[in-house]
Amino acid sequence: MPKKIDHDERRRDIARAAIAVIGEQGIDNTRLIDVARAAGATTGSITHYFEDKDAVLLAALDHVAQNILFMLRHPEKPEDLVELAALILPVDEENRRDWRVWMSFFSRAIGDPVLARINKAYYDEFRDGLAAIIRRQQDDGTLSAHIDPAVTGDAIISIIDGFCIRATLEPEEWPVKRQKTQLEAMLRPLLPRPEKRRKQKGG
């Protein structure tokens, strides 16, 4: 009997191969044949799953985004948002590669309204995911009820984007310790613990 092919897994394999190529060569230098080689496939088999190169590139972007969204929906450390955010810092080659892929689409989105809308949709989901975690922490009393979950979620995203872009471009200047120290310094003030009630005199 012929071997059964998991088509969804094959699409993911191709997306991962595209991530590897984009991360190394940049999006403008990525060719379909390069992705095919990285995937151990032919260009013909790739076009069986994707309409064209742009579809492959978008699959790579989506794969990176979905990894982040999965982390937000199923957090390993839901009790501490700073530690959760640290999981996506460009502290190793895999995370730096994912950041290079993400950054490669920024420049394209500037002149591409469709890609700009896709990019915005991902950021909306990131914010909503962070806001949901913040609300849960507010409900269980580990985070101050006075902060706005959506506003704080957007602030966290902006902070991470800002210094992680630098850390990706300047890895020698941003070792792991510096990244984590910077993250702690910038995010912790946004996430205050509830104030303890003072005991009334004579109470």
N, C-alpha and C. Protein backbone atom coordinates (compact mmCIF):
# COMPACT_ATOMS: atom_id res chain seq x y z
N MET A 1 0.84 -1.20 0.00
CA MET A 1 0.00 0.00 0.00
C MET A 1 0.88 1.26 0.00
N PRO A 2 0.48 2.29 -0.72
CA PRO A 2 1.28 3.52 -0.72
C PRO A 2 1.28 4.17 0.65
N LYS A 3 2.39 4.82 0.97
CA LYS A 3 2.53 5.47 2.26
C LYS A 3 1.58 6.65 2.36
N LYS A 4 0.85 6.71 3.47
CA LYS A 4 -0.09 7.81 3.69
C LYS A 4 0.67 9.08 4.03
N ILE A 5 0.34 10.17 3.35
CA ILE A 5 1.03 11.43 3.56
C ILE A 5 0.18 12.35 4.43
N ASP A 6 0.79 12.90 5.45
CA ASP A 6 0.14 13.89 6.30
C ASP A 6 0.36 15.26 5.63
N HIS A 7 -0.65 15.71 4.90
CA HIS A 7 -0.48 16.94 4.11
C HIS A 7 -0.30 18.18 4.98
N ASP A 8 -0.99 18.23 6.12
CA ASP A 8 -0.84 19.38 7.02
C ASP A 8 0.58 19.44 7.56
N GLU A 9 1.12 18.28 7.93
CA GLU A 9 2.49 18.25 8.45
C GLU A 9 3.48 18.62 7.35
N ARG A 10 3.19 18.21 6.12
CA ARG A 10 4.08 18.55 5.01
C ARG A 10 4.09 20.06 4.78
N ARG A 11 2.93 20.70 4.89
CA ARG A 11 2.88 22.15 4.77
C ARG A 11 3.69 22.82 5.87
N ARG A 12 3.59 22.27 7.08
CA ARG A 12 4.38 22.82 8.19
C ARG A 12 5.87 22.63 7.95
N ASP A 13 6.25 21.49 7.39
CA ASP A 13 7.66 21.25 7.07
C ASP A 13 8.18 22.29 6.09
N ILE A 14 7.37 22.59 5.08
CA ILE A 14 7.77 23.58 4.09
C ILE A 14 7.86 24.97 4.71
N ALA A 15 6.90 25.29 5.59
CA ALA A 15 6.95 26.58 6.28
C ALA A 15 8.20 26.70 7.13
N ARG A 16 8.55 25.62 7.84
CA ARG A 16 9.77 25.64 8.67
C ARG A 16 11.01 25.79 7.81
N ALA A 17 11.01 25.15 6.65
CA ALA A 17 12.14 25.29 5.73
C ALA A 17 12.25 26.74 5.24
N ALA A 18 11.11 27.35 4.94
CA ALA A 18 11.12 28.75 4.51
C ALA A 18 11.65 29.67 5.61
N ILE A 19 11.28 29.37 6.86
CA ILE A 19 11.78 30.16 7.99
C ILE A 19 13.29 30.08 8.06
N ALA A 20 13.82 28.88 7.89
CA ALA A 20 15.28 28.69 7.94
C ALA A 20 15.98 29.49 6.85
N VAL A 21 15.41 29.48 5.64
CA VAL A 21 16.03 30.18 4.51
C VAL A 21 15.91 31.69 4.69
N ILE A 22 14.73 32.17 5.07
CA ILE A 22 14.54 33.62 5.27
C ILE A 22 15.45 34.11 6.39
N GLY A 23 15.54 33.32 7.47
CA GLY A 23 16.37 33.71 8.59
C GLY A 23 17.83 33.84 8.23
N GLU A 24 18.27 33.06 7.26
CA GLU A 24 19.68 33.08 6.86
C GLU A 24 19.95 34.07 5.73
N GLN A 25 19.04 34.14 4.75
CA GLN A 25 19.29 34.92 3.53
C GLN A 25 18.50 36.22 3.43
N GLY A 26 17.46 36.36 4.26
CA GLY A 26 16.57 37.50 4.12
C GLY A 26 15.46 37.19 3.13
N ILE A 27 14.37 37.89 3.24
CA ILE A 27 13.20 37.56 2.45
C ILE A 27 13.40 37.87 0.96
N ASP A 28 14.13 38.93 0.65
CA ASP A 28 14.31 39.30 -0.76
C ASP A 28 15.22 38.34 -1.51
N ASN A 29 16.08 37.65 -0.79
CA ASN A 29 17.00 36.71 -1.42
C ASN A 29 16.52 35.27 -1.36
N THR A 30 15.33 35.08 -0.83
CA THR A 30 14.79 33.72 -0.72
C THR A 30 14.11 33.31 -2.02
N ARG A 31 14.57 32.19 -2.57
CA ARG A 31 13.97 31.65 -3.80
C ARG A 31 13.24 30.35 -3.46
N LEU A 32 12.28 30.02 -4.29
CA LEU A 32 11.51 28.80 -4.07
C LEU A 32 12.41 27.57 -4.09
N ILE A 33 13.42 27.59 -4.96
CA ILE A 33 14.32 26.45 -5.04
C ILE A 33 15.13 26.30 -3.74
N ASP A 34 15.43 27.42 -3.08
CA ASP A 34 16.15 27.37 -1.80
C ASP A 34 15.28 26.71 -0.73
N VAL A 35 14.01 27.08 -0.72
CA VAL A 35 13.08 26.48 0.24
C VAL A 35 12.92 24.99 -0.04
N ALA A 36 12.84 24.64 -1.33
CA ALA A 36 12.71 23.24 -1.70
C ALA A 36 13.90 22.42 -1.21
N ARG A 37 15.09 22.95 -1.38
CA ARG A 37 16.29 22.24 -0.92
C ARG A 37 16.27 22.07 0.59
N ALA A 38 15.91 23.13 1.30
CA ALA A 38 15.87 23.07 2.76
C ALA A 38 14.82 22.08 3.26
N ALA A 39 13.75 21.91 2.48
CA ALA A 39 12.67 21.01 2.86
C ALA A 39 12.91 19.58 2.36
N GLY A 40 13.98 19.40 1.59
CA GLY A 40 14.22 18.09 1.00
C GLY A 40 13.14 17.72 0.01
N ALA A 41 12.74 18.71 -0.79
CA ALA A 41 11.64 18.52 -1.74
C ALA A 41 12.00 19.14 -3.08
N THR A 42 11.09 19.05 -4.02
CA THR A 42 11.24 19.71 -5.31
C THR A 42 10.34 20.94 -5.34
N THR A 43 10.64 21.85 -6.25
CA THR A 43 9.76 23.02 -6.38
C THR A 43 8.36 22.60 -6.81
N GLY A 44 8.30 21.53 -7.59
CA GLY A 44 7.00 21.04 -8.02
C GLY A 44 6.15 20.55 -6.86
N SER A 45 6.78 19.86 -5.91
CA SER A 45 6.01 19.38 -4.76
C SER A 45 5.57 20.53 -3.87
N ILE A 46 6.38 21.59 -3.81
CA ILE A 46 5.99 22.75 -3.01
C ILE A 46 4.78 23.45 -3.63
N THR A 47 4.80 23.60 -4.94
CA THR A 47 3.66 24.26 -5.60
C THR A 47 2.41 23.39 -5.58
N HIS A 48 2.57 22.14 -5.19
CA HIS A 48 1.40 21.29 -4.97
C HIS A 48 0.65 21.74 -3.72
N TYR A 49 1.40 22.29 -2.76
CA TYR A 49 0.80 22.71 -1.49
C TYR A 49 0.55 24.22 -1.42
N PHE A 50 1.35 24.99 -2.16
CA PHE A 50 1.23 26.44 -2.11
C PHE A 50 1.16 27.00 -3.53
N GLU A 51 0.34 28.04 -3.68
CA GLU A 51 0.09 28.61 -5.00
C GLU A 51 1.36 29.19 -5.62
N ASP A 52 2.14 29.90 -4.82
CA ASP A 52 3.36 30.53 -5.35
C ASP A 52 4.31 30.84 -4.19
N LYS A 53 5.41 31.52 -4.51
CA LYS A 53 6.41 31.81 -3.48
C LYS A 53 5.84 32.69 -2.38
N ASP A 54 5.02 33.67 -2.74
CA ASP A 54 4.46 34.55 -1.72
C ASP A 54 3.63 33.76 -0.71
N ALA A 55 2.92 32.75 -1.18
CA ALA A 55 2.13 31.92 -0.27
C ALA A 55 3.03 31.15 0.69
N VAL A 56 4.17 30.70 0.19
CA VAL A 56 5.14 30.01 1.05
C VAL A 56 5.69 30.97 2.10
N LEU A 57 6.01 32.19 1.69
CA LEU A 57 6.55 33.18 2.61
C LEU A 57 5.54 33.54 3.69
N LEU A 58 4.27 33.66 3.30
CA LEU A 58 3.23 33.96 4.28
C LEU A 58 3.04 32.80 5.25
N ALA A 59 3.22 31.58 4.76
CA ALA A 59 3.13 30.41 5.63
C ALA A 59 4.24 30.44 6.68
N ALA A 60 5.42 30.91 6.27
CA ALA A 60 6.53 31.04 7.22
C ALA A 60 6.19 32.06 8.29
N LEU A 61 5.66 33.21 7.88
CA LEU A 61 5.27 34.24 8.84
C LEU A 61 4.20 33.71 9.78
N ASP A 62 3.23 33.02 9.24
CA ASP A 62 2.14 32.49 10.06
C ASP A 62 2.66 31.47 11.07
N HIS A 63 3.63 30.66 10.65
CA HIS A 63 4.18 29.65 11.55
C HIS A 63 4.83 30.31 12.76
N VAL A 64 5.58 31.38 12.52
CA VAL A 64 6.21 32.11 13.62
C VAL A 64 5.14 32.71 14.53
N ALA A 65 4.13 33.34 13.93
CA ALA A 65 3.07 33.98 14.71
C ALA A 65 2.29 32.96 15.52
N GLN A 66 1.98 31.81 14.92
CA GLN A 66 1.20 30.81 15.62
C GLN A 66 1.96 30.23 16.81
N ASN A 67 3.29 30.13 16.70
CA ASN A 67 4.08 29.67 17.84
C ASN A 67 3.93 30.63 19.03
N ILE A 68 3.93 31.93 18.75
CA ILE A 68 3.76 32.92 19.81
C ILE A 68 2.35 32.85 20.38
N LEU A 69 1.37 32.73 19.51
CA LEU A 69 -0.03 32.67 19.97
C LEU A 69 -0.27 31.42 20.81
N PHE A 70 0.33 30.31 20.43
CA PHE A 70 0.19 29.08 21.22
C PHE A 70 0.77 29.29 22.61
N MET A 71 1.90 29.96 22.68
CA MET A 71 2.54 30.23 23.97
C MET A 71 1.64 31.10 24.85
N LEU A 72 0.94 32.07 24.23
CA LEU A 72 0.05 32.94 24.99
C LEU A 72 -1.22 32.21 25.44
N ARG A 73 -1.69 31.30 24.62
CA ARG A 73 -2.92 30.57 24.96
C ARG A 73 -2.68 29.42 25.91
N HIS A 74 -1.45 28.90 25.89
CA HIS A 74 -1.10 27.77 26.76
C HIS A 74 0.22 28.10 27.46
N PRO A 75 0.23 29.14 28.28
CA PRO A 75 1.50 29.59 28.87
C PRO A 75 2.09 28.58 29.85
N GLU A 76 3.42 28.39 29.73
CA GLU A 76 4.12 27.51 30.67
C GLU A 76 4.24 28.16 32.04
N LYS A 77 4.35 29.49 32.04
CA LYS A 77 4.50 30.21 33.31
C LYS A 77 3.44 31.31 33.38
N PRO A 78 2.18 30.93 33.50
CA PRO A 78 1.11 31.94 33.45
C PRO A 78 1.11 32.89 34.64
N GLU A 79 1.86 32.54 35.70
CA GLU A 79 1.85 33.38 36.90
C GLU A 79 2.77 34.58 36.78
N ASP A 80 3.63 34.61 35.76
CA ASP A 80 4.59 35.71 35.64
C ASP A 80 4.76 36.09 34.17
N LEU A 81 4.20 37.24 33.81
CA LEU A 81 4.26 37.67 32.41
C LEU A 81 5.67 38.02 31.96
N VAL A 82 6.52 38.47 32.87
CA VAL A 82 7.90 38.80 32.49
C VAL A 82 8.64 37.52 32.09
N GLU A 83 8.47 36.46 32.88
CA GLU A 83 9.11 35.19 32.54
C GLU A 83 8.52 34.61 31.27
N LEU A 84 7.22 34.80 31.07
CA LEU A 84 6.59 34.32 29.84
C LEU A 84 7.16 35.06 28.63
N ALA A 85 7.28 36.38 28.73
CA ALA A 85 7.83 37.17 27.63
C ALA A 85 9.27 36.79 27.33
N ALA A 86 10.01 36.38 28.35
CA ALA A 86 11.41 36.02 28.16
C ALA A 86 11.58 34.82 27.23
N LEU A 87 10.52 34.03 27.07
CA LEU A 87 10.62 32.84 26.23
C LEU A 87 10.79 33.17 24.75
N ILE A 88 10.44 34.40 24.35
CA ILE A 88 10.57 34.74 22.93
C ILE A 88 11.75 35.67 22.66
N LEU A 89 12.55 35.96 23.67
CA LEU A 89 13.73 36.80 23.45
C LEU A 89 14.70 36.12 22.49
N PRO A 90 15.41 36.90 21.68
CA PRO A 90 16.37 36.31 20.74
C PRO A 90 17.67 35.90 21.43
N VAL A 91 17.55 34.94 22.35
CA VAL A 91 18.70 34.53 23.15
C VAL A 91 19.40 33.30 22.57
N ASP A 92 18.80 32.68 21.56
CA ASP A 92 19.44 31.54 20.91
C ASP A 92 19.19 31.63 19.41
N GLU A 93 19.80 30.75 18.65
CA GLU A 93 19.73 30.85 17.20
C GLU A 93 18.31 30.67 16.68
N GLU A 94 17.55 29.77 17.30
CA GLU A 94 16.17 29.54 16.83
C GLU A 94 15.32 30.80 17.00
N ASN A 95 15.40 31.42 18.17
CA ASN A 95 14.61 32.63 18.39
C ASN A 95 15.11 33.80 17.56
N ARG A 96 16.44 33.90 17.38
CA ARG A 96 16.96 34.97 16.51
C ARG A 96 16.48 34.79 15.09
N ARG A 97 16.44 33.54 14.63
CA ARG A 97 15.96 33.26 13.29
C ARG A 97 14.50 33.69 13.14
N ASP A 98 13.67 33.35 14.15
CA ASP A 98 12.26 33.74 14.09
C ASP A 98 12.11 35.26 14.07
N TRP A 99 12.94 35.96 14.85
CA TRP A 99 12.88 37.42 14.84
C TRP A 99 13.32 37.98 13.49
N ARG A 100 14.33 37.36 12.86
CA ARG A 100 14.76 37.83 11.54
C ARG A 100 13.64 37.66 10.52
N VAL A 101 12.91 36.56 10.63
CA VAL A 101 11.77 36.34 9.74
C VAL A 101 10.72 37.42 9.98
N TRP A 102 10.38 37.65 11.24
CA TRP A 102 9.35 38.64 11.58
C TRP A 102 9.75 40.03 11.08
N MET A 103 11.01 40.39 11.29
CA MET A 103 11.49 41.70 10.86
C MET A 103 11.52 41.83 9.34
N SER A 104 11.76 40.71 8.64
CA SER A 104 11.80 40.75 7.18
C SER A 104 10.47 41.18 6.59
N PHE A 105 9.38 40.87 7.30
CA PHE A 105 8.06 41.23 6.78
C PHE A 105 7.68 42.67 7.10
N PHE A 106 8.37 43.29 8.08
CA PHE A 106 8.06 44.68 8.41
C PHE A 106 8.21 45.59 7.20
N SER A 107 9.36 45.49 6.53
CA SER A 107 9.62 46.39 5.41
C SER A 107 8.63 46.15 4.27
N ARG A 108 8.26 44.90 4.08
CA ARG A 108 7.29 44.60 3.03
C ARG A 108 5.91 45.18 3.35
N ALA A 109 5.55 45.14 4.63
CA ALA A 109 4.22 45.61 5.03
C ALA A 109 4.05 47.10 4.80
N ILE A 110 5.16 47.85 4.81
CA ILE A 110 5.08 49.29 4.60
C ILE A 110 4.45 49.62 3.25
N GLY A 111 4.83 48.87 2.22
CA GLY A 111 4.32 49.15 0.87
C GLY A 111 3.29 48.15 0.38
N ASP A 112 2.82 47.27 1.28
CA ASP A 112 1.87 46.24 0.87
C ASP A 112 0.67 46.27 1.81
N PRO A 113 -0.45 46.88 1.38
CA PRO A 113 -1.62 47.01 2.26
C PRO A 113 -2.17 45.67 2.75
N VAL A 114 -2.11 44.65 1.91
CA VAL A 114 -2.60 43.33 2.33
C VAL A 114 -1.75 42.78 3.46
N LEU A 115 -0.43 42.84 3.28
CA LEU A 115 0.47 42.35 4.31
C LEU A 115 0.37 43.20 5.57
N ALA A 116 0.13 44.49 5.42
CA ALA A 116 -0.04 45.37 6.58
C ALA A 116 -1.26 44.94 7.38
N ARG A 117 -2.34 44.57 6.71
CA ARG A 117 -3.54 44.12 7.41
C ARG A 117 -3.28 42.79 8.12
N ILE A 118 -2.55 41.91 7.47
CA ILE A 118 -2.22 40.62 8.09
C ILE A 118 -1.36 40.86 9.33
N ASN A 119 -0.39 41.75 9.21
CA ASN A 119 0.50 42.07 10.32
C ASN A 119 -0.29 42.64 11.50
N LYS A 120 -1.23 43.55 11.20
CA LYS A 120 -2.06 44.15 12.25
C LYS A 120 -2.91 43.09 12.94
N ALA A 121 -3.44 42.15 12.15
CA ALA A 121 -4.28 41.11 12.73
C ALA A 121 -3.49 40.26 13.73
N TYR A 122 -2.24 39.96 13.39
CA TYR A 122 -1.40 39.20 14.34
C TYR A 122 -1.19 40.01 15.62
N TYR A 123 -0.88 41.28 15.47
CA TYR A 123 -0.62 42.09 16.66
C TYR A 123 -1.88 42.24 17.52
N ASP A 124 -3.03 42.31 16.88
CA ASP A 124 -4.28 42.35 17.65
C ASP A 124 -4.44 41.07 18.47
N GLU A 125 -4.10 39.94 17.86
CA GLU A 125 -4.20 38.66 18.58
C GLU A 125 -3.18 38.58 19.71
N PHE A 126 -1.97 39.09 19.47
CA PHE A 126 -0.97 39.10 20.54
C PHE A 126 -1.48 39.92 21.72
N ARG A 127 -2.01 41.13 21.42
CA ARG A 127 -2.51 42.01 22.48
C ARG A 127 -3.65 41.34 23.24
N ASP A 128 -4.57 40.73 22.50
CA ASP A 128 -5.71 40.08 23.15
C ASP A 128 -5.26 38.91 24.02
N GLY A 129 -4.25 38.19 23.55
CA GLY A 129 -3.73 37.08 24.34
C GLY A 129 -3.11 37.56 25.64
N LEU A 130 -2.32 38.62 25.56
CA LEU A 130 -1.71 39.19 26.76
C LEU A 130 -2.78 39.76 27.69
N ALA A 131 -3.77 40.44 27.12
CA ALA A 131 -4.84 41.02 27.93
C ALA A 131 -5.61 39.94 28.68
N ALA A 132 -5.81 38.80 28.05
CA ALA A 132 -6.53 37.69 28.71
C ALA A 132 -5.73 37.18 29.90
N ILE A 133 -4.41 37.07 29.75
CA ILE A 133 -3.57 36.63 30.86
C ILE A 133 -3.62 37.66 31.99
N ILE A 134 -3.54 38.94 31.62
CA ILE A 134 -3.59 40.01 32.63
C ILE A 134 -4.90 39.97 33.40
N ARG A 135 -6.01 39.78 32.70
CA ARG A 135 -7.32 39.71 33.37
C ARG A 135 -7.37 38.53 34.34
N ARG A 136 -6.82 37.39 33.92
CA ARG A 136 -6.82 36.23 34.82
C ARG A 136 -6.01 36.52 36.08
N GLN A 137 -4.89 37.21 35.91
CA GLN A 137 -4.07 37.54 37.08
C GLN A 137 -4.77 38.57 37.97
N GLN A 138 -5.51 39.47 37.35
CA GLN A 138 -6.29 40.42 38.15
C GLN A 138 -7.40 39.71 38.91
N ASP A 139 -8.03 38.75 38.26
CA ASP A 139 -9.11 38.01 38.91
C ASP A 139 -8.62 37.18 40.09
N ASP A 140 -7.40 36.61 39.96
CA ASP A 140 -6.90 35.80 41.08
C ASP A 140 -6.10 36.61 42.09
N GLY A 141 -6.07 37.94 41.90
CA GLY A 141 -5.47 38.81 42.90
C GLY A 141 -3.97 38.92 42.88
N THR A 142 -3.32 38.47 41.80
CA THR A 142 -1.85 38.57 41.73
C THR A 142 -1.38 39.80 40.97
N LEU A 143 -2.32 40.52 40.36
CA LEU A 143 -1.96 41.72 39.59
C LEU A 143 -2.96 42.81 39.91
N SER A 144 -2.48 44.05 39.97
CA SER A 144 -3.34 45.17 40.34
C SER A 144 -4.53 45.29 39.39
N ALA A 145 -5.68 45.58 39.97
CA ALA A 145 -6.91 45.75 39.18
C ALA A 145 -6.97 47.09 38.48
N HIS A 146 -6.02 47.98 38.78
CA HIS A 146 -6.08 49.35 38.26
C HIS A 146 -5.49 49.50 36.86
N ILE A 147 -4.76 48.51 36.38
CA ILE A 147 -4.17 48.65 35.04
C ILE A 147 -5.16 48.17 33.99
N ASP A 148 -5.09 48.76 32.81
CA ASP A 148 -5.96 48.38 31.69
C ASP A 148 -5.31 47.22 30.94
N PRO A 149 -5.96 46.06 30.84
CA PRO A 149 -5.34 44.89 30.21
C PRO A 149 -4.93 45.12 28.77
N ALA A 150 -5.79 45.75 27.96
CA ALA A 150 -5.47 45.95 26.54
C ALA A 150 -4.34 46.95 26.36
N VAL A 151 -4.40 48.05 27.10
CA VAL A 151 -3.34 49.07 27.01
C VAL A 151 -2.00 48.49 27.47
N THR A 152 -2.03 47.75 28.55
CA THR A 152 -0.81 47.14 29.06
C THR A 152 -0.28 46.10 28.09
N GLY A 153 -1.18 45.33 27.47
CA GLY A 153 -0.76 44.35 26.46
C GLY A 153 -0.05 45.01 25.30
N ASP A 154 -0.60 46.12 24.82
CA ASP A 154 0.05 46.86 23.72
C ASP A 154 1.40 47.40 24.16
N ALA A 155 1.49 47.88 25.40
CA ALA A 155 2.76 48.41 25.89
C ALA A 155 3.83 47.32 25.95
N ILE A 156 3.44 46.15 26.42
CA ILE A 156 4.38 45.02 26.49
C ILE A 156 4.90 44.67 25.11
N ILE A 157 3.99 44.61 24.14
CA ILE A 157 4.38 44.28 22.77
C ILE A 157 5.35 45.32 22.21
N SER A 158 5.06 46.59 22.44
CA SER A 158 5.92 47.66 21.93
C SER A 158 7.31 47.59 22.53
N ILE A 159 7.39 47.31 23.82
CA ILE A 159 8.68 47.21 24.49
C ILE A 159 9.48 46.04 23.94
N ILE A 160 8.83 44.88 23.83
CA ILE A 160 9.53 43.69 23.34
C ILE A 160 10.00 43.91 21.91
N ASP A 161 9.14 44.44 21.06
CA ASP A 161 9.53 44.72 19.68
C ASP A 161 10.76 45.62 19.63
N GLY A 162 10.73 46.68 20.42
CA GLY A 162 11.80 47.67 20.35
C GLY A 162 13.17 47.12 20.64
N PHE A 163 13.36 46.54 21.81
CA PHE A 163 14.73 46.15 22.14
C PHE A 163 15.11 44.79 21.56
N CYS A 164 14.09 43.96 21.21
CA CYS A 164 14.43 42.67 20.59
C CYS A 164 14.89 42.85 19.14
N ILE A 165 14.42 43.89 18.47
CA ILE A 165 14.94 44.19 17.13
C ILE A 165 16.42 44.53 17.24
N ARG A 166 16.77 45.36 18.22
CA ARG A 166 18.18 45.70 18.42
C ARG A 166 18.99 44.45 18.79
N ALA A 167 18.44 43.63 19.67
CA ALA A 167 19.17 42.44 20.11
C ALA A 167 19.38 41.45 18.97
N THR A 168 18.44 41.43 18.03
CA THR A 168 18.58 40.54 16.87
C THR A 168 19.65 41.06 15.92
N LEU A 169 19.69 42.38 15.74
CA LEU A 169 20.66 42.98 14.83
C LEU A 169 22.05 43.11 15.46
N GLU A 170 22.09 43.17 16.79
CA GLU A 170 23.36 43.37 17.50
C GLU A 170 23.55 42.28 18.56
N PRO A 171 23.61 41.02 18.15
CA PRO A 171 23.66 39.93 19.14
C PRO A 171 24.86 40.00 20.08
N GLU A 172 26.00 40.50 19.58
CA GLU A 172 27.18 40.58 20.44
C GLU A 172 26.98 41.60 21.56
N GLU A 173 26.20 42.65 21.26
CA GLU A 173 25.96 43.70 22.25
C GLU A 173 24.85 43.33 23.23
N TRP A 174 24.07 42.30 22.88
CA TRP A 174 22.91 41.95 23.70
C TRP A 174 22.96 40.47 24.10
N PRO A 175 23.86 40.11 25.00
CA PRO A 175 23.90 38.73 25.48
C PRO A 175 22.63 38.42 26.29
N VAL A 176 22.47 37.17 26.65
CA VAL A 176 21.26 36.72 27.34
C VAL A 176 21.00 37.53 28.61
N LYS A 177 22.04 37.72 29.42
CA LYS A 177 21.84 38.43 30.69
C LYS A 177 21.34 39.84 30.47
N ARG A 178 21.90 40.55 29.50
CA ARG A 178 21.46 41.92 29.26
C ARG A 178 20.02 41.94 28.78
N GLN A 179 19.64 41.02 27.91
CA GLN A 179 18.26 40.98 27.42
C GLN A 179 17.28 40.77 28.56
N LYS A 180 17.58 39.83 29.43
CA LYS A 180 16.66 39.52 30.52
C LYS A 180 16.61 40.65 31.55
N THR A 181 17.75 41.29 31.78
CA THR A 181 17.78 42.43 32.70
C THR A 181 16.96 43.58 32.14
N GLN A 182 17.10 43.83 30.83
CA GLN A 182 16.35 44.91 30.18
C GLN A 182 14.85 44.62 30.21
N LEU A 183 14.50 43.38 29.94
CA LEU A 183 13.09 42.99 29.96
C LEU A 183 12.49 43.21 31.35
N GLU A 184 13.21 42.77 32.36
CA GLU A 184 12.75 42.94 33.74
C GLU A 184 12.56 44.42 34.08
N ALA A 185 13.54 45.24 33.70
CA ALA A 185 13.49 46.66 34.04
C ALA A 185 12.33 47.37 33.35
N MET A 186 11.99 46.94 32.14
CA MET A 186 10.97 47.65 31.37
C MET A 186 9.56 47.12 31.61
N LEU A 187 9.42 45.84 31.88
CA LEU A 187 8.08 45.28 32.02
C LEU A 187 7.58 45.27 33.46
N ARG A 188 8.47 45.03 34.42
CA ARG A 188 8.00 44.88 35.81
C ARG A 188 7.20 46.08 36.30
N PRO A 189 7.61 47.34 35.98
CA PRO A 189 6.81 48.48 36.45
C PRO A 189 5.40 48.53 35.85
N LEU A 190 5.20 47.88 34.71
CA LEU A 190 3.87 47.87 34.10
C LEU A 190 2.93 46.87 34.77
N LEU A 191 3.48 46.01 35.61
CA LEU A 191 2.71 44.89 36.16
C LEU A 191 2.74 44.93 37.69
N PRO A 192 2.14 45.97 38.29
CA PRO A 192 2.19 46.11 39.75
C PRO A 192 1.33 45.06 40.46
N ARG A 193 1.81 44.65 41.60
CA ARG A 193 1.03 43.76 42.45
C ARG A 193 -0.03 44.57 43.19
N PRO A 194 -1.10 43.95 43.63
CA PRO A 194 -2.11 44.70 44.40
C PRO A 194 -1.51 45.25 45.69
N GLU A 195 -1.93 46.45 46.06
CA GLU A 195 -1.44 47.04 47.30
C GLU A 195 -2.11 46.35 48.48
N LYS A 196 -1.30 46.11 49.50
CA LYS A 196 -1.85 45.50 50.72
C LYS A 196 -2.61 46.55 51.50
N ARG A 197 -3.78 46.16 51.97
CA ARG A 197 -4.58 47.11 52.74
C ARG A 197 -3.94 47.36 54.11
N ARG A 198 -3.91 48.63 54.46
CA ARG A 198 -3.36 48.98 55.76
C ARG A 198 -4.39 48.71 56.85
N LYS A 199 -3.93 48.22 57.95
CA LYS A 199 -4.81 47.98 59.09
C LYS A 199 -5.23 49.30 59.72
N GLN A 200 -6.50 49.43 59.98
CA GLN A 200 -6.99 50.65 60.61
C GLN A 200 -6.60 50.68 62.07
N LYS A 201 -6.30 51.88 62.56
CA LYS A 201 -5.93 52.00 63.96
C LYS A 201 -7.10 51.60 64.82
N GLY A 202 -6.78 50.85 65.84
CA GLY A 202 -7.80 50.41 66.77
C GLY A 202 -8.63 49.26 66.26
N GLY A 203 -8.27 48.80 65.00
CA GLY A 203 -9.05 47.72 64.43
C GLY A 203 -8.56 46.37 64.88
